[in-house]
Amino acid sequence: MAEISVVVPIYNGEQYLEEALNSIALQSFKDFEVILVCEYGTSNESLDIVHKFRKNDKRFKIITNTSKLGISESLNVGIRKSTGKYIARMDGDDISCQKRLEIQKLYMDYCSNIGVCGIKHKVINSPRWIVDYHSNPEQINSDLLFFVPLKHPTIMIRSDVIYKNNLFYDSSLPGVEDYDYFIRASKVTELTNINEPDLFYYRRTSENASLINEKRDEKIRKSLIKSQFYDRLKLDFSDKTIDILDVVDGIPFYNEKIYLNILSELQKNMEIIMQRNNEMGIYRPECLINTMEHRWFRVKYSMDIASKAKLSDKIIDKWRAGDYYNIWMDR
């Protein structure tokens, strides 16, 4: 038995695979196993790399799917084959820095309340990419209303939390399996991120599954957001309202009237959410306010991207007049 099992789903990606696996092989913490789950149809080049690591290091174990299972079920296969007290995730194109497992394990050893631990990572090819993940479990719980608050390949999970709560991945989901997983995990344990620089480097490429299947995943994400508002706050929002609440990259084109309406509707529904939480006490008020601020600033970012031009003064003025802009500025 190993103390940590690292589960790595593999489907091609030979360009970065050797570097990714090497970053695990060279960890300062040595008592681990690596479960390499090779999807059906994986390229021979990727399989050659995988078998080379297995040959040189017996801690690497290979599972080859005999049919196409998809990411969720491949992760479940890897988890069920794991023997570790902790199960760490890793993808075949990212880099775990040398002390990643050592520090993550230490944190989990001392914080028994934490069932899932992510890392506030850096982005390899986008150094200015803003990573605004939190460590406070209550803040993460609130942020789940709108956002995925942990980077999936950085996480470490307690295996006993998985088995006691049947916390496996939903194999019916073709994407956004991480968001669904964190929502369900938050109901049975606490989630956090380690705010430690240089522990994990995430690679953002045009081949990332979330970019390739963006439209499909957007639909799944919106359904998860909608169900959360009903399950936790008993708010039965329409699909149109969810479209407003989930404005990230979904603004199709620049139109001043549409943008002004989005801001009005977003402000109105944020007030409804805050009022319902005041009545039910589900989230800490200061955490929910932080989440709303994040949501309010992200809508401006999305409008900037969609417009591909300078937003009108009228839109900027309305955005700056929003409650959550003013709360932010008053800090």
Protein backbone atom coordinates (compact mmCIF):
# COMPACT_ATOMS: atom_id res chain seq x y z
CA MET A 1 0.00 0.00 0.00
CA ALA A 2 1.16 3.48 -0.83
CA GLU A 3 0.42 6.56 1.28
CA ILE A 4 -0.66 8.54 -1.81
CA SER A 5 -2.16 7.33 -5.08
CA VAL A 6 -1.82 9.71 -8.03
CA VAL A 7 -4.50 9.10 -10.66
CA VAL A 8 -3.62 10.28 -14.17
CA PRO A 9 -6.14 9.84 -17.01
CA ILE A 10 -4.35 9.69 -20.36
CA TYR A 11 -5.66 10.23 -23.85
CA ASN A 12 -2.87 11.15 -26.25
CA GLY A 13 -1.10 14.41 -25.31
CA GLU A 14 2.32 12.90 -25.93
CA GLN A 15 3.79 16.38 -26.48
CA TYR A 16 3.78 17.10 -22.73
CA LEU A 17 3.23 13.67 -21.20
CA GLU A 18 6.83 12.77 -20.40
CA GLU A 19 7.44 16.09 -18.64
CA ALA A 20 4.23 15.69 -16.63
CA LEU A 21 4.98 12.15 -15.47
CA ASN A 22 8.59 13.02 -14.73
CA SER A 23 7.38 15.77 -12.40
CA ILE A 24 5.61 13.09 -10.36
CA ALA A 25 8.50 10.63 -10.46
CA LEU A 26 10.82 13.26 -8.93
CA GLN A 27 8.62 14.18 -5.97
CA SER A 28 10.35 14.77 -2.62
CA PHE A 29 7.72 12.55 -0.95
CA LYS A 30 8.46 9.01 -2.14
CA ASP A 31 5.68 6.76 -0.79
CA PHE A 32 3.27 6.99 -3.71
CA GLU A 33 1.89 5.00 -6.61
CA VAL A 34 0.82 6.40 -9.97
CA ILE A 35 -2.29 4.92 -11.58
CA LEU A 36 -2.11 5.66 -15.31
CA VAL A 37 -5.54 5.14 -16.88
CA CYS A 38 -5.05 4.99 -20.65
CA GLU A 39 -8.25 5.69 -22.54
CA TYR A 40 -9.24 3.38 -25.38
CA GLY A 41 -7.69 4.71 -28.59
CA THR A 42 -4.72 6.42 -26.95
CA SER A 43 -1.88 6.96 -29.43
CA ASN A 44 1.05 4.57 -29.62
CA GLU A 45 3.39 7.48 -28.87
CA SER A 46 1.63 8.09 -25.55
CA LEU A 47 1.57 4.39 -24.71
CA ASP A 48 5.30 4.14 -25.39
CA ILE A 49 5.95 6.93 -22.86
CA VAL A 50 3.69 5.30 -20.28
CA HIS A 51 5.37 1.90 -20.62
CA LYS A 52 8.82 3.48 -20.36
CA PHE A 53 7.89 4.95 -16.97
CA ARG A 54 6.43 1.63 -15.85
CA LYS A 55 9.62 -0.17 -16.86
CA ASN A 56 11.88 2.25 -14.97
CA ASP A 57 9.72 2.79 -11.86
CA LYS A 58 7.47 0.08 -10.43
CA ARG A 59 5.39 2.73 -8.63
CA PHE A 60 3.81 3.47 -12.02
CA LYS A 61 0.88 1.16 -12.80
CA ILE A 62 -1.00 1.01 -16.10
CA ILE A 63 -4.69 0.42 -16.72
CA THR A 64 -5.78 0.28 -20.38
CA ASN A 65 -9.47 0.79 -21.05
CA THR A 66 -10.90 -1.79 -23.47
CA SER A 67 -13.67 0.61 -24.54
CA LYS A 68 -14.04 4.39 -24.51
CA LEU A 69 -15.07 5.31 -20.96
CA GLY A 70 -14.61 9.08 -20.89
CA ILE A 71 -12.87 11.16 -18.24
CA SER A 72 -15.34 10.60 -15.40
CA GLU A 73 -15.44 6.81 -15.54
CA SER A 74 -11.70 6.64 -16.21
CA LEU A 75 -11.15 8.55 -12.96
CA ASN A 76 -13.48 6.16 -11.14
CA VAL A 77 -11.50 3.19 -12.50
CA GLY A 78 -8.27 4.78 -11.28
CA ILE A 79 -9.69 5.58 -7.85
CA ARG A 80 -10.97 2.04 -7.35
CA LYS A 81 -7.53 0.63 -8.19
CA SER A 82 -5.83 3.02 -5.76
CA THR A 83 -4.51 1.87 -2.40
CA GLY A 84 -3.51 5.23 -0.92
CA LYS A 85 -4.86 7.02 2.12
CA TYR A 86 -4.91 10.09 -0.12
CA ILE A 87 -5.76 10.22 -3.81
CA ALA A 88 -4.14 12.98 -5.83
CA ARG A 89 -5.17 14.10 -9.30
CA MET A 90 -2.84 14.96 -12.14
CA ASP A 91 -3.25 15.48 -15.88
CA GLY A 92 -0.82 14.48 -18.58
CA ASP A 93 0.12 18.02 -19.58
CA ASP A 94 0.64 19.79 -16.24
CA ILE A 95 3.61 19.95 -13.88
CA SER A 96 3.65 19.05 -10.18
CA CYS A 97 6.56 20.79 -8.52
CA GLN A 98 8.94 18.71 -6.43
CA LYS A 99 7.30 19.31 -3.02
CA ARG A 100 3.69 19.21 -4.22
CA LEU A 101 2.77 15.83 -2.66
CA GLU A 102 4.84 16.44 0.48
CA ILE A 103 3.16 19.76 1.30
CA GLN A 104 -0.33 18.68 0.28
CA LYS A 105 -0.07 15.56 2.44
CA LEU A 106 1.23 17.57 5.43
CA TYR A 107 -1.74 19.91 5.11
CA MET A 108 -4.21 17.02 4.97
CA ASP A 109 -2.53 15.28 7.90
CA TYR A 110 -2.96 18.33 10.13
CA CYS A 111 -6.38 19.51 8.88
CA SER A 112 -8.68 16.55 9.46
CA ASN A 113 -11.74 18.62 8.55
CA ILE A 114 -10.53 18.99 4.95
CA GLY A 115 -11.64 16.27 2.54
CA VAL A 116 -10.55 17.86 -0.73
CA CYS A 117 -7.46 20.05 -1.03
CA GLY A 118 -6.51 21.99 -4.17
CA ILE A 119 -3.59 24.27 -4.94
CA LYS A 120 -3.60 27.89 -6.01
CA HIS A 121 -1.65 27.14 -9.16
CA LYS A 122 0.23 29.10 -11.77
CA VAL A 123 -0.54 28.97 -15.50
CA ILE A 124 2.40 27.90 -17.64
CA ASN A 125 1.70 29.74 -20.85
CA SER A 126 -0.44 32.60 -19.49
CA PRO A 127 1.65 34.19 -16.72
CA ARG A 128 -0.81 37.08 -16.30
CA TRP A 129 -3.79 34.76 -15.93
CA ILE A 130 -5.57 35.72 -12.70
CA VAL A 131 -6.04 32.76 -10.34
CA ASP A 132 -8.50 34.03 -7.74
CA TYR A 133 -9.05 30.83 -5.74
CA HIS A 134 -9.65 31.00 -1.98
CA SER A 135 -8.47 28.91 0.98
CA ASN A 136 -11.44 29.54 3.30
CA PRO A 137 -13.78 26.51 3.01
CA GLU A 138 -16.83 28.70 3.68
CA GLN A 139 -15.81 31.06 0.89
CA ILE A 140 -15.33 28.11 -1.46
CA ASN A 141 -18.77 26.79 -0.52
CA SER A 142 -20.28 30.14 -1.46
CA ASP A 143 -18.24 30.50 -4.67
CA LEU A 144 -19.59 27.14 -5.87
CA LEU A 145 -22.86 28.93 -6.66
CA PHE A 146 -21.19 30.37 -9.75
CA PHE A 147 -17.63 29.12 -10.13
CA VAL A 148 -15.36 26.08 -10.05
CA PRO A 149 -13.23 27.11 -7.03
CA LEU A 150 -10.49 24.43 -7.26
CA LYS A 151 -8.37 23.47 -10.26
CA HIS A 152 -9.23 19.84 -10.87
CA PRO A 153 -5.76 18.33 -11.57
CA THR A 154 -4.33 19.95 -8.40
CA ILE A 155 -6.61 18.23 -5.89
CA MET A 156 -5.87 15.65 -3.21
CA ILE A 157 -8.81 13.74 -1.70
CA ARG A 158 -9.14 11.53 1.38
CA SER A 159 -9.99 8.05 0.17
CA ASP A 160 -12.16 7.40 3.23
CA VAL A 161 -14.30 10.44 2.33
CA ILE A 162 -14.80 8.96 -1.12
CA TYR A 163 -15.87 5.52 0.10
CA LYS A 164 -17.94 6.64 3.09
CA ASN A 165 -19.97 9.00 0.89
CA ASN A 166 -19.86 7.14 -2.44
CA LEU A 167 -18.12 10.23 -3.78
CA PHE A 168 -17.23 8.98 -7.23
CA TYR A 169 -17.51 10.91 -10.48
CA ASP A 170 -20.81 10.99 -12.36
CA SER A 171 -19.99 8.89 -15.42
CA SER A 172 -23.07 10.19 -17.25
CA LEU A 173 -21.50 13.64 -17.54
CA PRO A 174 -19.44 14.18 -20.70
CA GLY A 175 -17.87 17.32 -19.20
CA VAL A 176 -17.82 19.68 -16.19
CA GLU A 177 -17.30 16.59 -14.03
CA ASP A 178 -15.10 18.63 -11.70
CA TYR A 179 -17.80 21.22 -10.93
CA ASP A 180 -20.36 18.50 -10.24
CA TYR A 181 -17.84 16.64 -8.06
CA PHE A 182 -16.99 19.68 -5.94
CA ILE A 183 -20.66 20.56 -5.46
CA ARG A 184 -21.38 17.07 -4.15
CA ALA A 185 -18.18 16.97 -2.08
CA SER A 186 -19.08 20.27 -0.39
CA LYS A 187 -22.18 18.62 1.07
CA VAL A 188 -20.15 16.01 2.98
CA THR A 189 -16.76 17.62 3.69
CA GLU A 190 -14.78 20.87 3.53
CA LEU A 191 -12.77 22.03 0.53
CA THR A 192 -9.71 24.29 0.49
CA ASN A 193 -6.80 25.50 -1.62
CA ILE A 194 -3.18 25.75 -0.49
CA ASN A 195 -1.97 29.26 -1.22
CA GLU A 196 1.63 28.20 -1.72
CA PRO A 197 3.55 29.49 -4.76
CA ASP A 198 5.33 27.16 -7.15
CA LEU A 199 3.60 23.90 -6.21
CA PHE A 200 1.66 23.32 -9.41
CA TYR A 201 1.79 24.59 -12.98
CA TYR A 202 -1.34 24.21 -15.09
CA ARG A 203 -1.01 24.16 -18.86
CA ARG A 204 -3.72 26.00 -20.76
CA THR A 205 -3.77 24.98 -24.44
CA SER A 206 -6.24 24.95 -27.32
CA GLU A 207 -6.48 21.17 -26.79
CA ASN A 208 -7.87 21.43 -23.24
CA ALA A 209 -11.15 19.51 -23.17
CA SER A 210 -12.95 22.49 -21.60
CA LEU A 211 -12.03 24.66 -24.60
CA ILE A 212 -12.80 22.03 -27.23
CA ASN A 213 -16.27 21.33 -25.78
CA GLU A 214 -17.06 24.82 -24.56
CA LYS A 215 -20.70 25.01 -25.73
CA ARG A 216 -21.56 21.54 -24.42
CA ASP A 217 -19.95 22.28 -21.06
CA GLU A 218 -21.67 25.66 -20.78
CA LYS A 219 -25.04 23.93 -20.95
CA ILE A 220 -24.07 21.40 -18.27
CA ARG A 221 -22.62 24.12 -16.03
CA LYS A 222 -25.82 26.16 -16.23
CA SER A 223 -27.90 23.14 -15.23
CA LEU A 224 -25.65 22.62 -12.19
CA ILE A 225 -25.94 26.29 -11.23
CA LYS A 226 -29.72 26.15 -11.56
CA SER A 227 -30.02 23.02 -9.42
CA GLN A 228 -27.80 24.53 -6.72
CA PHE A 229 -29.97 27.61 -6.32
CA TYR A 230 -33.00 25.40 -5.88
CA ASP A 231 -31.38 22.77 -3.64
CA ARG A 232 -29.66 25.24 -1.31
CA LEU A 233 -31.75 28.42 -1.42
CA LYS A 234 -35.07 27.14 -2.81
CA LEU A 235 -34.84 29.63 -5.67
CA ASP A 236 -36.44 28.24 -8.81
CA PHE A 237 -34.79 30.51 -11.36
CA SER A 238 -35.82 30.34 -15.01
CA ASP A 239 -33.31 29.37 -17.69
CA LYS A 240 -33.27 33.01 -18.81
CA THR A 241 -32.32 34.16 -15.31
CA ILE A 242 -29.58 31.53 -15.13
CA ASP A 243 -28.22 32.87 -18.43
CA ILE A 244 -27.92 36.29 -16.77
CA LEU A 245 -26.39 34.92 -13.55
CA ASP A 246 -23.89 32.83 -15.51
CA VAL A 247 -22.63 35.52 -17.86
CA VAL A 248 -18.96 34.60 -18.31
CA ASP A 249 -18.18 34.18 -21.99
CA GLY A 250 -21.74 33.85 -23.19
CA ILE A 251 -22.40 37.39 -24.46
CA PRO A 252 -22.66 36.87 -28.21
CA PHE A 253 -21.97 40.37 -29.49
CA TYR A 254 -21.68 43.99 -28.46
CA ASN A 255 -25.02 45.73 -28.00
CA GLU A 256 -25.39 48.59 -25.55
CA LYS A 257 -29.06 47.94 -24.82
CA ILE A 258 -28.46 44.23 -24.16
CA TYR A 259 -25.50 44.97 -21.88
CA LEU A 260 -27.42 47.54 -19.85
CA ASN A 261 -30.26 45.04 -19.43
CA ILE A 262 -27.82 42.31 -18.33
CA LEU A 263 -26.43 44.58 -15.62
CA SER A 264 -29.93 45.53 -14.40
CA GLU A 265 -31.11 41.93 -14.28
CA LEU A 266 -27.92 40.70 -12.65
CA GLN A 267 -28.17 43.34 -9.91
CA LYS A 268 -31.84 42.49 -9.30
CA ASN A 269 -31.24 38.76 -9.00
CA MET A 270 -28.22 39.25 -6.76
CA GLU A 271 -30.51 41.13 -4.38
CA ILE A 272 -32.97 38.20 -4.47
CA ILE A 273 -30.15 35.75 -3.65
CA MET A 274 -28.85 37.87 -0.76
CA GLN A 275 -32.36 38.31 0.68
CA ARG A 276 -33.10 34.58 0.51
CA ASN A 277 -29.81 33.80 2.22
CA ASN A 278 -30.62 36.33 4.96
CA GLU A 279 -33.84 34.37 5.54
CA MET A 280 -32.31 30.88 5.41
CA GLY A 281 -28.76 31.45 6.71
CA ILE A 282 -27.15 28.95 4.33
CA TYR A 283 -23.98 30.96 3.58
CA ARG A 284 -21.97 33.33 5.73
CA PRO A 285 -23.08 36.81 4.58
CA GLU A 286 -19.52 38.13 4.14
CA CYS A 287 -18.61 35.11 1.99
CA LEU A 288 -21.68 35.51 -0.20
CA ILE A 289 -20.90 39.21 -0.63
CA ASN A 290 -17.38 38.28 -1.77
CA THR A 291 -18.89 35.83 -4.27
CA MET A 292 -21.23 38.52 -5.60
CA GLU A 293 -18.34 40.94 -5.98
CA HIS A 294 -16.45 38.33 -7.97
CA ARG A 295 -19.52 37.74 -10.14
CA TRP A 296 -19.99 41.49 -10.72
CA PHE A 297 -16.38 42.04 -11.78
CA ARG A 298 -16.42 39.00 -14.05
CA VAL A 299 -19.39 40.32 -16.01
CA LYS A 300 -17.38 43.44 -16.89
CA TYR A 301 -14.49 41.22 -17.99
CA SER A 302 -16.87 39.19 -20.17
CA MET A 303 -18.32 42.30 -21.76
CA ASP A 304 -14.84 43.60 -22.52
CA ILE A 305 -13.97 40.37 -24.32
CA ALA A 306 -17.24 40.13 -26.24
CA SER A 307 -17.25 43.75 -27.38
CA LYS A 308 -13.65 43.69 -28.69
CA ALA A 309 -13.82 47.46 -28.32
CA LYS A 310 -14.14 50.11 -25.64
CA LEU A 311 -17.45 49.84 -23.79
CA SER A 312 -19.66 52.93 -23.88
CA ASP A 313 -19.59 55.38 -20.98
CA LYS A 314 -23.21 54.52 -20.24
CA ILE A 315 -22.34 50.84 -19.67
CA ILE A 316 -19.29 51.66 -17.57
CA ASP A 317 -21.29 54.12 -15.45
CA LYS A 318 -24.04 51.56 -14.84
CA TRP A 319 -21.51 48.88 -13.90
CA ARG A 320 -19.77 51.26 -11.49
CA ALA A 321 -23.11 52.15 -9.95
CA GLY A 322 -23.67 48.51 -8.99
CA ASP A 323 -23.85 47.62 -5.30
CA TYR A 324 -20.95 45.15 -5.48
CA TYR A 325 -18.66 47.54 -7.29
CA ASN A 326 -19.21 50.10 -4.54
CA ILE A 327 -18.70 47.57 -1.74
CA TRP A 328 -15.40 46.60 -3.35
CA MET A 329 -14.28 50.21 -3.72
CA ASP A 330 -15.23 51.04 -0.13
CA ARG A 331 -12.94 48.37 1.36
